[in-house]
C-alpha atoms as a PDB file:
ATOM      1  CA  MET A   1      -7.554  -4.110  42.909  1.00  0.00           C
ATOM      2  CA  ALA A   2      -4.702  -3.846  45.392  1.00  0.00           C
ATOM      3  CA  GLU A   3      -7.046  -4.926  48.206  1.00  0.00           C
ATOM      4  CA  ALA A   4      -8.122  -7.994  46.249  1.00  0.00           C
ATOM      5  CA  GLN A   5      -4.483  -8.797  45.491  1.00  0.00           C
ATOM      6  CA  ARG A   6      -3.747  -9.189  49.228  1.00  0.00           C
ATOM      7  CA  TYR A   7      -6.364 -11.895  49.642  1.00  0.00           C
ATOM      8  CA  LEU A   8      -5.969 -13.453  46.170  1.00  0.00           C
ATOM      9  CA  PRO A   9      -2.203 -13.628  45.454  1.00  0.00           C
ATOM     10  CA  GLY A  10      -2.763 -15.336  42.102  1.00  0.00           C
ATOM     11  CA  LEU A  11      -4.934 -12.533  40.774  1.00  0.00           C
ATOM     12  CA  PRO A  12      -3.234 -10.527  37.933  1.00  0.00           C
ATOM     13  CA  GLU A  13      -2.335  -6.959  38.853  1.00  0.00           C
ATOM     14  CA  GLU A  14      -3.056  -5.425  35.443  1.00  0.00           C
ATOM     15  CA  GLU A  15      -6.424  -5.209  33.717  1.00  0.00           C
ATOM     16  CA  ASP A  16      -4.781  -6.164  30.420  1.00  0.00           C
ATOM     17  CA  GLU A  17      -3.773  -9.493  31.935  1.00  0.00           C
ATOM     18  CA  LEU A  18      -7.382 -10.067  32.984  1.00  0.00           C
ATOM     19  CA  ASP A  19      -8.508  -9.355  29.422  1.00  0.00           C
ATOM     20  CA  GLU A  20      -6.038 -11.912  28.021  1.00  0.00           C
ATOM     21  CA  ILE A  21      -7.217 -14.552  30.474  1.00  0.00           C
ATOM     22  CA  ALA A  22     -10.862 -13.802  29.672  1.00  0.00           C
ATOM     23  CA  LEU A  23     -10.314 -14.514  25.967  1.00  0.00           C
ATOM     24  CA  ASP A  24     -11.189 -18.087  25.124  1.00  0.00           C
ATOM     25  CA  PRO A  25      -8.288 -19.733  23.182  1.00  0.00           C
ATOM     26  CA  ARG A  26     -10.888 -21.466  21.043  1.00  0.00           C
ATOM     27  CA  LEU A  27     -12.338 -18.059  20.132  1.00  0.00           C
ATOM     28  CA  LEU A  28      -8.904 -16.817  19.078  1.00  0.00           C
ATOM     29  CA  GLU A  29      -8.332 -19.929  17.005  1.00  0.00           C
ATOM     30  CA  GLU A  30     -11.702 -19.480  15.315  1.00  0.00           C
ATOM     31  CA  ALA A  31     -10.847 -15.832  14.582  1.00  0.00           C
ATOM     32  CA  GLU A  32      -7.590 -16.896  12.933  1.00  0.00           C
ATOM     33  CA  ARG A  33      -9.421 -19.474  10.814  1.00  0.00           C
ATOM     34  CA  ILE A  34     -11.965 -16.864   9.699  1.00  0.00           C
ATOM     35  CA  ALA A  35      -9.280 -14.317   8.794  1.00  0.00           C
ATOM     36  CA  GLU A  36      -7.275 -16.980   6.966  1.00  0.00           C
ATOM     37  CA  ALA A  37     -10.326 -18.044   4.943  1.00  0.00           C
ATOM     38  CA  LEU A  38     -11.252 -14.474   4.009  1.00  0.00           C
ATOM     39  CA  VAL A  39      -7.788 -13.674   2.662  1.00  0.00           C
ATOM     40  CA  PHE A  40      -7.381 -17.041   0.945  1.00  0.00           C
ATOM     41  CA  ALA A  41     -10.722 -16.739  -0.862  1.00  0.00           C
ATOM     42  CA  SER A  42     -10.007 -13.279  -2.255  1.00  0.00           C
ATOM     43  CA  ALA A  43      -8.103 -12.603  -5.470  1.00  0.00           C
ATOM     44  CA  GLN A  44      -7.301  -9.100  -4.204  1.00  0.00           C
ATOM     45  CA  PRO A  45      -5.761  -7.924  -0.905  1.00  0.00           C
ATOM     46  CA  VAL A  46      -8.411  -7.790   1.831  1.00  0.00           C
ATOM     47  CA  SER A  47      -8.780  -4.761   4.084  1.00  0.00           C
ATOM     48  CA  GLU A  48      -8.365  -5.037   7.837  1.00  0.00           C
ATOM     49  CA  THR A  49     -11.694  -3.252   8.227  1.00  0.00           C
ATOM     50  CA  TYR A  50     -13.480  -5.995   6.291  1.00  0.00           C
ATOM     51  CA  ILE A  51     -11.693  -8.758   8.211  1.00  0.00           C
ATOM     52  CA  ALA A  52     -12.465  -7.101  11.554  1.00  0.00           C
ATOM     53  CA  SER A  53     -16.168  -6.932  10.668  1.00  0.00           C
ATOM     54  CA  ARG A  54     -16.236 -10.727  10.246  1.00  0.00           C
ATOM     55  CA  LEU A  55     -14.332 -11.660  13.419  1.00  0.00           C
ATOM     56  CA  PRO A  56     -16.036 -12.628  16.701  1.00  0.00           C
ATOM     57  CA  ARG A  57     -16.945  -9.676  18.882  1.00  0.00           C
ATOM     58  CA  GLY A  58     -14.131  -8.475  21.110  1.00  0.00           C
ATOM     59  CA  ILE A  59     -11.311  -9.848  18.941  1.00  0.00           C
ATOM     60  CA  ASP A  60      -8.664  -7.345  17.798  1.00  0.00           C
ATOM     61  CA  VAL A  61      -7.775  -7.883  14.140  1.00  0.00           C
ATOM     62  CA  GLY A  62      -4.169  -6.648  14.567  1.00  0.00           C
ATOM     63  CA  PRO A  63      -2.824  -9.468  16.780  1.00  0.00           C
ATOM     64  CA  VAL A  64      -4.771 -12.050  14.767  1.00  0.00           C
ATOM     65  CA  MET A  65      -3.125 -11.014  11.496  1.00  0.00           C
ATOM     66  CA  SER A  66       0.303 -10.711  13.110  1.00  0.00           C
ATOM     67  CA  ARG A  67       0.059 -14.263  14.441  1.00  0.00           C
ATOM     68  CA  LEU A  68      -1.070 -15.599  11.052  1.00  0.00           C
ATOM     69  CA  LYS A  69       1.794 -13.731   9.385  1.00  0.00           C
ATOM     70  CA  ALA A  70       4.266 -15.423  11.738  1.00  0.00           C
ATOM     71  CA  ILE A  71       2.705 -18.851  11.097  1.00  0.00           C
ATOM     72  CA  TYR A  72       3.087 -18.467   7.319  1.00  0.00           C
ATOM     73  CA  ALA A  73       6.536 -16.842   7.442  1.00  0.00           C
ATOM     74  CA  SER A  74       8.347 -20.135   6.738  1.00  0.00           C
ATOM     75  CA  ARG A  75       5.742 -21.646   4.404  1.00  0.00           C
ATOM     76  CA  GLY A  76       5.636 -21.780   0.613  1.00  0.00           C
ATOM     77  CA  VAL A  77       3.157 -18.935   0.667  1.00  0.00           C
ATOM     78  CA  ASN A  78       3.459 -15.923   2.947  1.00  0.00           C
ATOM     79  CA  LEU A  79       0.803 -13.698   4.415  1.00  0.00           C
ATOM     80  CA  VAL A  80       1.886 -10.176   3.521  1.00  0.00           C
ATOM     81  CA  GLN A  81       0.594  -6.759   4.497  1.00  0.00           C
ATOM     82  CA  VAL A  82      -0.066  -4.218   1.754  1.00  0.00           C
ATOM     83  CA  ALA A  83      -0.904  -0.875   3.379  1.00  0.00           C
ATOM     84  CA  ASP A  84      -3.945  -1.753   5.521  1.00  0.00           C
ATOM     85  CA  HIS A  85      -4.761  -4.822   3.408  1.00  0.00           C
ATOM     86  CA  TRP A  86      -3.604  -8.458   3.578  1.00  0.00           C
ATOM     87  CA  ALA A  87      -2.887 -11.055   0.893  1.00  0.00           C
ATOM     88  CA  PHE A  88      -1.248 -14.430   0.370  1.00  0.00           C
ATOM     89  CA  ARG A  89       1.798 -14.369  -1.899  1.00  0.00           C
ATOM     90  CA  THR A  90       4.310 -16.963  -3.035  1.00  0.00           C
ATOM     91  CA  ALA A  91       7.436 -16.922  -0.877  1.00  0.00           C
ATOM     92  CA  ALA A  92      10.065 -14.747  -2.578  1.00  0.00           C
ATOM     93  CA  ASP A  93      12.657 -17.530  -2.720  1.00  0.00           C
ATOM     94  CA  LEU A  94      10.186 -19.825  -4.525  1.00  0.00           C
ATOM     95  CA  SER A  95       8.956 -17.391  -7.170  1.00  0.00           C
ATOM     96  CA  PHE A  96      11.016 -19.172  -9.857  1.00  0.00           C
ATOM     97  CA  VAL A  97       9.008 -22.363  -9.282  1.00  0.00           C
ATOM     98  CA  VAL A  98       5.679 -20.847 -10.319  1.00  0.00           C
ATOM     99  CA  GLN A  99       6.947 -18.845 -13.303  1.00  0.00           C
ATOM    100  CA  THR A 100       5.757 -20.029 -16.705  1.00  0.00           C
ATOM    101  CA  ASP A 101       7.074 -19.429 -20.198  1.00  0.00           C
ATOM    102  CA  GLU A 102       3.740 -17.881 -21.161  1.00  0.00           C
ATOM    103  CA  GLN A 103       4.060 -15.254 -18.443  1.00  0.00           C
ATOM    104  CA  GLU A 104       4.345 -11.833 -20.040  1.00  0.00           C
ATOM    105  CA  ILE A 105       7.316  -9.828 -18.846  1.00  0.00           C
ATOM    106  CA  ARG A 106       6.473  -6.158 -18.531  1.00  0.00           C
ATOM    107  CA  LYS A 107       9.434  -3.882 -19.142  1.00  0.00           C
ATOM    108  CA  LEU A 108       9.269  -0.185 -18.499  1.00  0.00           C
ATOM    109  CA  SER A 109      11.248   2.356 -20.469  1.00  0.00           C
ATOM    110  CA  ARG A 110      13.867   4.426 -18.681  1.00  0.00           C
ATOM    111  CA  ALA A 111      11.537   7.420 -18.852  1.00  0.00           C
ATOM    112  CA  ALA A 112       8.689   5.444 -17.260  1.00  0.00           C
ATOM    113  CA  LEU A 113      10.969   4.224 -14.480  1.00  0.00           C
ATOM    114  CA  GLU A 114      12.127   7.771 -13.772  1.00  0.00           C
ATOM    115  CA  VAL A 115       8.562   9.081 -13.662  1.00  0.00           C
ATOM    116  CA  LEU A 116       7.421   6.192 -11.443  1.00  0.00           C
ATOM    117  CA  ALA A 117      10.281   6.843  -9.003  1.00  0.00           C
ATOM    118  CA  ILE A 118       9.510  10.577  -8.865  1.00  0.00           C
ATOM    119  CA  ILE A 119       5.822   9.940  -8.205  1.00  0.00           C
ATOM    120  CA  ALA A 120       6.608   7.347  -5.524  1.00  0.00           C
ATOM    121  CA  TYR A 121       9.020   9.571  -3.609  1.00  0.00           C
ATOM    122  CA  HIS A 122       7.403  12.975  -4.174  1.00  0.00           C
ATOM    123  CA  GLN A 123       3.652  12.243  -4.150  1.00  0.00           C
ATOM    124  CA  PRO A 124       1.390  14.102  -4.386  1.00  0.00           C
ATOM    125  CA  VAL A 125       3.086  15.547  -7.452  1.00  0.00           C
ATOM    126  CA  THR A 126       1.853  17.260 -10.615  1.00  0.00           C
ATOM    127  CA  ARG A 127       3.039  16.659 -14.162  1.00  0.00           C
ATOM    128  CA  ALA A 128       4.775  20.048 -14.191  1.00  0.00           C
ATOM    129  CA  GLU A 129       6.636  19.132 -11.001  1.00  0.00           C
ATOM    130  CA  ILE A 130       7.678  15.789 -12.517  1.00  0.00           C
ATOM    131  CA  GLU A 131       9.060  17.591 -15.551  1.00  0.00           C
ATOM    132  CA  ASP A 132      10.837  20.129 -13.344  1.00  0.00           C
ATOM    133  CA  ILE A 133      12.587  17.319 -11.436  1.00  0.00           C
ATOM    134  CA  ARG A 134      13.509  15.370 -14.577  1.00  0.00           C
ATOM    135  CA  GLY A 135      14.471  18.460 -16.578  1.00  0.00           C
ATOM    136  CA  VAL A 136      12.674  17.171 -19.672  1.00  0.00           C
ATOM    137  CA  GLN A 137       9.103  17.056 -20.899  1.00  0.00           C
ATOM    138  CA  THR A 138       7.066  14.001 -19.923  1.00  0.00           C
ATOM    139  CA  SER A 139       4.879  12.500 -22.604  1.00  0.00           C
ATOM    140  CA  LYS A 140       1.277  11.566 -21.870  1.00  0.00           C
ATOM    141  CA  GLY A 141       2.075   8.070 -23.109  1.00  0.00           C
ATOM    142  CA  THR A 142       4.559   7.519 -20.286  1.00  0.00           C
ATOM    143  CA  LEU A 143       1.952   8.360 -17.645  1.00  0.00           C
ATOM    144  CA  ASP A 144      -0.647   6.271 -19.492  1.00  0.00           C
ATOM    145  CA  VAL A 145       1.613   3.194 -19.332  1.00  0.00           C
ATOM    146  CA  LEU A 146       2.030   3.578 -15.568  1.00  0.00           C
ATOM    147  CA  MET A 147      -1.690   4.074 -15.045  1.00  0.00           C
ATOM    148  CA  GLU A 148      -2.589   1.097 -17.249  1.00  0.00           C
ATOM    149  CA  ALA A 149      -0.195  -1.006 -15.177  1.00  0.00           C
ATOM    150  CA  GLY A 150      -2.225   0.041 -12.132  1.00  0.00           C
ATOM    151  CA  TRP A 151       0.763   1.544 -10.327  1.00  0.00           C
ATOM    152  CA  VAL A 152      -0.115   5.241 -10.630  1.00  0.00           C
ATOM    153  CA  ARG A 153      -3.410   7.028 -10.034  1.00  0.00           C
ATOM    154  CA  PHE A 154      -4.943  10.466 -10.018  1.00  0.00           C
ATOM    155  CA  ARG A 155      -4.977  11.662  -6.398  1.00  0.00           C
ATOM    156  CA  GLY A 156      -6.712  15.028  -6.643  1.00  0.00           C
ATOM    157  CA  ARG A 157      -6.342  18.531  -7.999  1.00  0.00           C
ATOM    158  CA  ARG A 158      -3.878  21.077  -6.649  1.00  0.00           C
ATOM    159  CA  ARG A 159      -5.365  24.299  -5.281  1.00  0.00           C
ATOM    160  CA  THR A 160      -3.271  26.486  -7.573  1.00  0.00           C
ATOM    161  CA  PRO A 161      -4.075  28.335 -10.812  1.00  0.00           C
ATOM    162  CA  GLY A 162      -5.144  25.851 -13.453  1.00  0.00           C
ATOM    163  CA  ARG A 163      -5.925  23.236 -10.769  1.00  0.00           C
ATOM    164  CA  PRO A 164      -3.379  20.682 -12.088  1.00  0.00           C
ATOM    165  CA  VAL A 165      -3.989  16.998 -11.387  1.00  0.00           C
ATOM    166  CA  THR A 166      -1.819  15.375  -8.718  1.00  0.00           C
ATOM    167  CA  PHE A 167      -0.445  11.850  -9.077  1.00  0.00           C
ATOM    168  CA  GLY A 168       0.295   9.161  -6.505  1.00  0.00           C
ATOM    169  CA  THR A 169       1.023   5.441  -6.333  1.00  0.00           C
ATOM    170  CA  THR A 170      -1.552   2.714  -5.752  1.00  0.00           C
ATOM    171  CA  ARG A 171      -1.934  -0.298  -3.495  1.00  0.00           C
ATOM    172  CA  ASP A 172      -1.096  -2.474  -6.536  1.00  0.00           C
ATOM    173  CA  PHE A 173       2.255  -0.673  -6.703  1.00  0.00           C
ATOM    174  CA  LEU A 174       2.982  -1.644  -3.093  1.00  0.00           C
ATOM    175  CA  ASP A 175       1.824  -5.200  -3.744  1.00  0.00           C
ATOM    176  CA  HIS A 176       3.970  -5.616  -6.876  1.00  0.00           C
ATOM    177  CA  PHE A 177       7.139  -4.343  -5.229  1.00  0.00           C
ATOM    178  CA  GLY A 178       6.571  -6.146  -1.926  1.00  0.00           C
ATOM    179  CA  LEU A 179       6.099  -3.039   0.212  1.00  0.00           C
ATOM    180  CA  GLU A 180       3.850  -2.806   3.251  1.00  0.00           C
ATOM    181  CA  GLU A 181       3.684   0.982   2.932  1.00  0.00           C
ATOM    182  CA  ILE A 182       5.270   3.653   0.784  1.00  0.00           C
ATOM    183  CA  ARG A 183       7.660   4.591   3.611  1.00  0.00           C
ATOM    184  CA  ASP A 184       9.365   1.219   3.028  1.00  0.00           C
ATOM    185  CA  LEU A 185      10.909   2.529  -0.196  1.00  0.00           C
ATOM    186  CA  PRO A 186      14.725   2.382  -0.010  1.00  0.00           C
ATOM    187  CA  GLY A 187      16.760   5.421   0.970  1.00  0.00           C
ATOM    188  CA  ILE A 188      19.915   6.640  -0.743  1.00  0.00           C
ATOM    189  CA  GLU A 189      22.252   4.329   1.223  1.00  0.00           C
ATOM    190  CA  GLU A 190      20.115   1.288   0.421  1.00  0.00           C
ATOM    191  CA  LEU A 191      20.068   2.248  -3.254  1.00  0.00           C
ATOM    192  CA  LYS A 192      23.860   2.535  -3.248  1.00  0.00           C
ATOM    193  CA  GLY A 193      24.187  -0.843  -1.532  1.00  0.00           C
ATOM    194  CA  ALA A 194      21.966  -2.453  -4.148  1.00  0.00           C
ATOM    195  CA  GLY A 195      24.112  -1.023  -6.944  1.00  0.00           C
ATOM    196  CA  LEU A 196      21.291   1.151  -8.256  1.00  0.00           C
ATOM    197  CA  LEU A 197      23.320   4.330  -7.826  1.00  0.00           C
ATOM    198  CA  SER A 198      26.795   4.819  -9.162  1.00  0.00           C
ATOM    199  CA  GLY A 199      29.678   5.604  -6.830  1.00  0.00           C
ATOM    200  CA  ARG A 200      29.855   9.138  -8.223  1.00  0.00           C
ATOM    201  CA  VAL A 201      26.643  10.395  -6.709  1.00  0.00           C
ATOM    202  CA  PRO A 202      26.341  14.204  -6.810  1.00  0.00           C
ATOM    203  CA  SER A 203      26.779  15.723  -3.373  1.00  0.00           C
ATOM    204  CA  ASN A 204      23.530  17.662  -3.735  1.00  0.00           C
ATOM    205  CA  LEU A 205      21.459  14.556  -4.579  1.00  0.00           C
ATOM    206  CA  HIS A 206      18.523  14.316  -2.184  1.00  0.00           C
ATOM    207  CA  ILE A 207      16.077  11.436  -1.971  1.00  0.00           C
ATOM    208  CA  PRO A 208      13.057  12.557   0.064  1.00  0.00           C
ATOM    209  CA  VAL A 209      11.337  10.389   2.625  1.00  0.00           C
ATOM    210  CA  PRO A 210       8.053   9.459   0.913  1.00  0.00           C
ATOM    211  CA  VAL A 211       4.897  10.511   2.699  1.00  0.00           C
ATOM    212  CA  GLY A 212       2.417   8.423   0.751  1.00  0.00           C
ATOM    213  CA  GLU A 213      -0.662   9.422   2.708  1.00  0.00           C
ATOM    214  CA  ASP A 214      -3.886   8.313   1.054  1.00  0.00           C
ATOM    215  CA  GLU A 215      -5.745  11.294   2.465  1.00  0.00           C
ATOM    216  CA  LEU A 216      -5.655  14.468   0.418  1.00  0.00           C
ATOM    217  CA  SER A 217      -3.188  17.113   1.524  1.00  0.00           C
ATOM    218  CA  GLU A 218      -4.254  20.610   2.552  1.00  0.00           C
ATOM    219  CA  ASN A 219      -3.667  22.004  -0.940  1.00  0.00           C
ATOM    220  CA  GLU A 220      -5.534  19.232  -2.810  1.00  0.00           C
ATOM    221  CA  ASP A 221      -9.189  18.908  -3.802  1.00  0.00           C
ATOM    222  CA  PRO A 222     -10.835  15.536  -4.518  1.00  0.00           C
ATOM    223  CA  ILE A 223     -11.421  14.345  -8.073  1.00  0.00           C
ATOM    224  CA  THR A 224     -15.064  14.920  -9.051  1.00  0.00           C
ATOM    225  CA  GLN A 225     -17.291  13.474 -11.777  1.00  0.00           C
ATOM    226  CA  MET A 226     -16.762  16.650 -13.792  1.00  0.00           C
ATOM    227  CA  ASP A 227     -12.989  16.308 -13.397  1.00  0.00           C
ATOM    228  CA  LEU A 228     -13.082  12.752 -14.717  1.00  0.00           C
ATOM    229  CA  GLU A 229     -15.061  13.888 -17.760  1.00  0.00           C
ATOM    230  CA  GLU A 230     -12.631  16.756 -18.325  1.00  0.00           C
ATOM    231  CA  LEU A 231      -9.685  14.342 -18.135  1.00  0.00           C
ATOM    232  CA  GLY A 232     -11.359  12.077 -20.681  1.00  0.00           C
ATOM    233  CA  LEU A 233     -11.823   9.210 -18.232  1.00  0.00           C
ATOM    234  CA  LEU A 234     -15.615   9.278 -18.460  1.00  0.00           C
ATOM    235  CA  THR A 235     -17.978  10.017 -21.315  1.00  0.00           C
ATOM    236  CA  PRO A 236     -19.849  13.281 -20.634  1.00  0.00           C
ATOM    237  CA  LYS A 237     -23.438  12.691 -19.592  1.00  0.00           C
ATOM    238  CA  ALA A 238     -25.952  13.391 -22.322  1.00  0.00           C
ATOM    239  CA  GLU A 239     -28.342  16.237 -21.589  1.00  0.00           C
ATOM    240  CA  GLU A 240     -31.744  14.967 -20.531  1.00  0.00           C
ATOM    241  CA  ASP A 241     -34.625  15.590 -22.900  1.00  0.00           C
ATOM    242  CA  ASP A 242     -37.061  18.234 -21.805  1.00  0.00           C
END
């Protein structure tokens, strides 16, 4: 490459530069149009894997989505990232325009908010661990409300006696609260600044950095068909006639 550079001064020195030049601008534009159409046509956030499978060969989905995100940043709708998925959402400062009187306002009880916060920051977490943190018993109804809202899910089963179920948040939770990933949850200083914590915060108060990994941890087993039946989420299969 260095030898060629002596005789061709205009030749880029880095291979990456050659790759950028080799990419046809029209191909990049077409890739952006395809990605835009896929996200626009879907009622749910679209995965990067799915988008990448529809793009022209050799096009990296990451830069395409980043460029589209920048294009829509100042528009009435924004392209937002939800974990490894993408979706169009009304710009935050215009949300009041699209609200209707018929829109149902979902209010969570204080107990539900506490449980949701514990799951978000401590996941994967069991019901017993939630109760230990709160210091009070957690009713099944509270967890049911959060699961019906689509914000909490069963993650797996802990590899401890009794194999308790572990809970975690969902992609809908991230989408609803405008988070790209669970690590974007506010820390203690941000919570204080937003007025969500009183000035008399106990000195021993600790807000953990959420992990939020979708993959099961080392001490978790996946939820099986039998587990779902045991938890009452599926009707047990009838025994086949002989």
